[in-house]
N, C-alpha and C. Protein backbone atom coordinates (compact mmCIF):
# COMPACT_ATOMS: atom_id res chain seq x y z
N MET A 1 20.31 69.68 17.74
CA MET A 1 20.38 70.31 16.43
C MET A 1 19.21 71.26 16.21
N LEU A 2 18.04 70.88 16.70
CA LEU A 2 16.87 71.74 16.56
C LEU A 2 17.09 73.07 17.26
N GLU A 3 17.74 73.04 18.41
CA GLU A 3 17.99 74.27 19.16
C GLU A 3 18.84 75.24 18.35
N ILE A 4 19.88 74.73 17.70
CA ILE A 4 20.77 75.59 16.91
C ILE A 4 20.00 76.27 15.79
N ILE A 5 19.19 75.49 15.09
CA ILE A 5 18.40 76.05 13.99
C ILE A 5 17.39 77.06 14.51
N LEU A 6 16.74 76.74 15.60
CA LEU A 6 15.71 77.62 16.16
C LEU A 6 16.30 78.94 16.66
N TYR A 7 17.43 78.86 17.38
CA TYR A 7 18.06 80.08 17.87
C TYR A 7 18.61 80.93 16.72
N THR A 8 19.15 80.29 15.68
CA THR A 8 19.66 81.03 14.52
C THR A 8 18.52 81.73 13.79
N ALA A 9 17.43 81.02 13.56
CA ALA A 9 16.27 81.61 12.89
C ALA A 9 15.70 82.75 13.73
N THR A 10 15.67 82.58 15.03
CA THR A 10 15.18 83.63 15.92
C THR A 10 16.09 84.85 15.86
N GLY A 11 17.39 84.64 15.82
CA GLY A 11 18.33 85.75 15.71
C GLY A 11 18.14 86.54 14.44
N ILE A 12 17.93 85.84 13.33
CA ILE A 12 17.66 86.52 12.05
C ILE A 12 16.35 87.29 12.13
N PHE A 13 15.33 86.67 12.71
CA PHE A 13 14.04 87.33 12.89
C PHE A 13 14.18 88.58 13.75
N LEU A 14 14.93 88.47 14.85
CA LEU A 14 15.13 89.62 15.74
C LEU A 14 15.84 90.76 15.02
N TYR A 15 16.82 90.42 14.19
CA TYR A 15 17.54 91.44 13.43
C TYR A 15 16.59 92.20 12.51
N MET A 16 15.74 91.45 11.78
CA MET A 16 14.82 92.09 10.84
C MET A 16 13.78 92.93 11.57
N VAL A 17 13.24 92.43 12.67
CA VAL A 17 12.24 93.17 13.43
C VAL A 17 12.85 94.43 14.04
N SER A 18 14.06 94.31 14.57
CA SER A 18 14.72 95.46 15.19
C SER A 18 15.02 96.53 14.16
N ASP A 19 15.46 96.11 12.97
CA ASP A 19 15.74 97.08 11.90
C ASP A 19 14.46 97.79 11.47
N ALA A 20 13.38 97.03 11.31
CA ALA A 20 12.10 97.63 10.92
C ALA A 20 11.60 98.59 12.00
N ALA A 21 11.75 98.21 13.27
CA ALA A 21 11.31 99.08 14.37
C ALA A 21 12.12 100.37 14.39
N LEU A 22 13.43 100.24 14.20
CA LEU A 22 14.29 101.43 14.20
C LEU A 22 13.97 102.33 13.02
N ASN A 23 13.72 101.75 11.86
CA ASN A 23 13.34 102.56 10.70
C ASN A 23 12.03 103.29 10.95
N GLN A 24 11.08 102.63 11.60
CA GLN A 24 9.80 103.27 11.92
C GLN A 24 9.99 104.41 12.91
N ILE A 25 10.84 104.20 13.91
CA ILE A 25 11.12 105.25 14.89
C ILE A 25 11.76 106.45 14.20
N GLU A 26 12.70 106.19 13.29
CA GLU A 26 13.35 107.28 12.56
C GLU A 26 12.36 108.00 11.65
N LYS A 27 11.44 107.26 11.07
CA LYS A 27 10.42 107.86 10.21
C LYS A 27 9.54 108.80 11.03
N MET A 28 9.16 108.38 12.24
CA MET A 28 8.34 109.23 13.10
C MET A 28 9.14 110.44 13.59
N HIS A 29 10.43 110.24 13.80
CA HIS A 29 11.31 111.32 14.27
C HIS A 29 11.59 112.32 13.16
N GLY A 30 11.58 111.85 11.91
CA GLY A 30 11.76 112.74 10.77
C GLY A 30 13.19 112.85 10.27
N GLU A 31 14.12 112.23 10.94
CA GLU A 31 15.52 112.26 10.52
C GLU A 31 16.26 111.10 11.19
N PRO A 32 17.43 110.76 10.66
CA PRO A 32 18.20 109.69 11.31
C PRO A 32 18.55 110.05 12.75
N LEU A 33 18.47 109.07 13.61
CA LEU A 33 18.75 109.30 15.02
C LEU A 33 20.25 109.26 15.29
N PRO A 34 20.71 110.10 16.19
CA PRO A 34 22.10 109.96 16.62
C PRO A 34 22.24 108.67 17.43
N TYR A 35 23.40 108.08 17.40
CA TYR A 35 23.66 106.83 18.13
C TYR A 35 22.72 105.72 17.67
N ARG A 36 22.50 105.65 16.37
CA ARG A 36 21.58 104.68 15.78
C ARG A 36 21.94 103.25 16.18
N SER A 37 23.22 102.94 16.18
CA SER A 37 23.64 101.57 16.48
C SER A 37 23.36 101.20 17.94
N VAL A 38 23.45 102.17 18.84
CA VAL A 38 23.16 101.91 20.25
C VAL A 38 21.67 101.63 20.42
N ILE A 39 20.84 102.41 19.76
CA ILE A 39 19.39 102.21 19.83
C ILE A 39 19.02 100.85 19.24
N PHE A 40 19.65 100.49 18.12
CA PHE A 40 19.42 99.18 17.51
C PHE A 40 19.79 98.07 18.49
N PHE A 41 20.93 98.21 19.15
CA PHE A 41 21.37 97.20 20.11
C PHE A 41 20.37 97.06 21.25
N VAL A 42 19.86 98.16 21.75
CA VAL A 42 18.90 98.11 22.86
C VAL A 42 17.63 97.39 22.43
N ILE A 43 17.15 97.69 21.23
CA ILE A 43 15.93 97.04 20.73
C ILE A 43 16.13 95.53 20.60
N ILE A 44 17.21 95.13 19.93
CA ILE A 44 17.44 93.70 19.70
C ILE A 44 17.73 92.97 21.02
N PHE A 45 18.41 93.64 21.94
CA PHE A 45 18.72 93.04 23.23
C PHE A 45 17.44 92.77 24.02
N LEU A 46 16.56 93.76 24.08
CA LEU A 46 15.31 93.58 24.83
C LEU A 46 14.44 92.48 24.22
N LEU A 47 14.36 92.47 22.89
CA LEU A 47 13.58 91.41 22.25
C LEU A 47 14.18 90.03 22.51
N ALA A 48 15.50 89.94 22.50
CA ALA A 48 16.17 88.66 22.77
C ALA A 48 15.94 88.22 24.20
N MET A 49 15.94 89.16 25.13
CA MET A 49 15.72 88.82 26.54
C MET A 49 14.31 88.28 26.77
N VAL A 50 13.39 88.62 25.89
CA VAL A 50 12.02 88.10 26.00
C VAL A 50 11.89 86.76 25.27
N LEU A 51 12.41 86.69 24.03
CA LEU A 51 12.17 85.51 23.21
C LEU A 51 13.02 84.30 23.57
N PHE A 52 14.29 84.49 23.88
CA PHE A 52 15.16 83.34 24.12
C PHE A 52 14.72 82.51 25.33
N PRO A 53 14.34 83.12 26.45
CA PRO A 53 13.81 82.28 27.55
C PRO A 53 12.52 81.55 27.18
N MET A 54 11.69 82.18 26.34
CA MET A 54 10.47 81.52 25.90
C MET A 54 10.80 80.29 25.06
N ILE A 55 11.81 80.40 24.22
CA ILE A 55 12.23 79.25 23.41
C ILE A 55 12.76 78.15 24.32
N ARG A 56 13.58 78.53 25.29
CA ARG A 56 14.15 77.55 26.22
C ARG A 56 13.04 76.80 26.95
N MET A 57 12.02 77.53 27.42
CA MET A 57 10.90 76.87 28.10
C MET A 57 10.11 75.99 27.14
N GLY A 58 9.94 76.47 25.92
CA GLY A 58 9.20 75.70 24.93
C GLY A 58 9.89 74.41 24.54
N LEU A 59 11.22 74.42 24.58
CA LEU A 59 11.97 73.21 24.26
C LEU A 59 12.10 72.28 25.46
N GLY A 60 11.63 72.74 26.61
CA GLY A 60 11.65 71.90 27.80
C GLY A 60 12.99 71.87 28.50
N ALA A 61 13.81 72.90 28.28
CA ALA A 61 15.14 72.93 28.90
C ALA A 61 15.08 73.45 30.33
N GLY A 62 13.93 73.84 30.81
CA GLY A 62 13.80 74.31 32.19
C GLY A 62 14.10 75.78 32.34
N ALA A 63 14.08 76.23 33.59
CA ALA A 63 14.25 77.65 33.87
C ALA A 63 15.68 78.01 34.00
């Protein structure tokens, strides 16, 4: 049960961080980026690829 809560909270956190990062990138760029949803997906995907294995190791689920 702890895993479900932790992964859900992490997913929400990743969504908020990715949105903030994309907004900052657009602010530096000066206008909305084309293919915004693709860039958002890449950001959240990369963050998930880093955080989810760390959670798995932290919970002792192994490699």
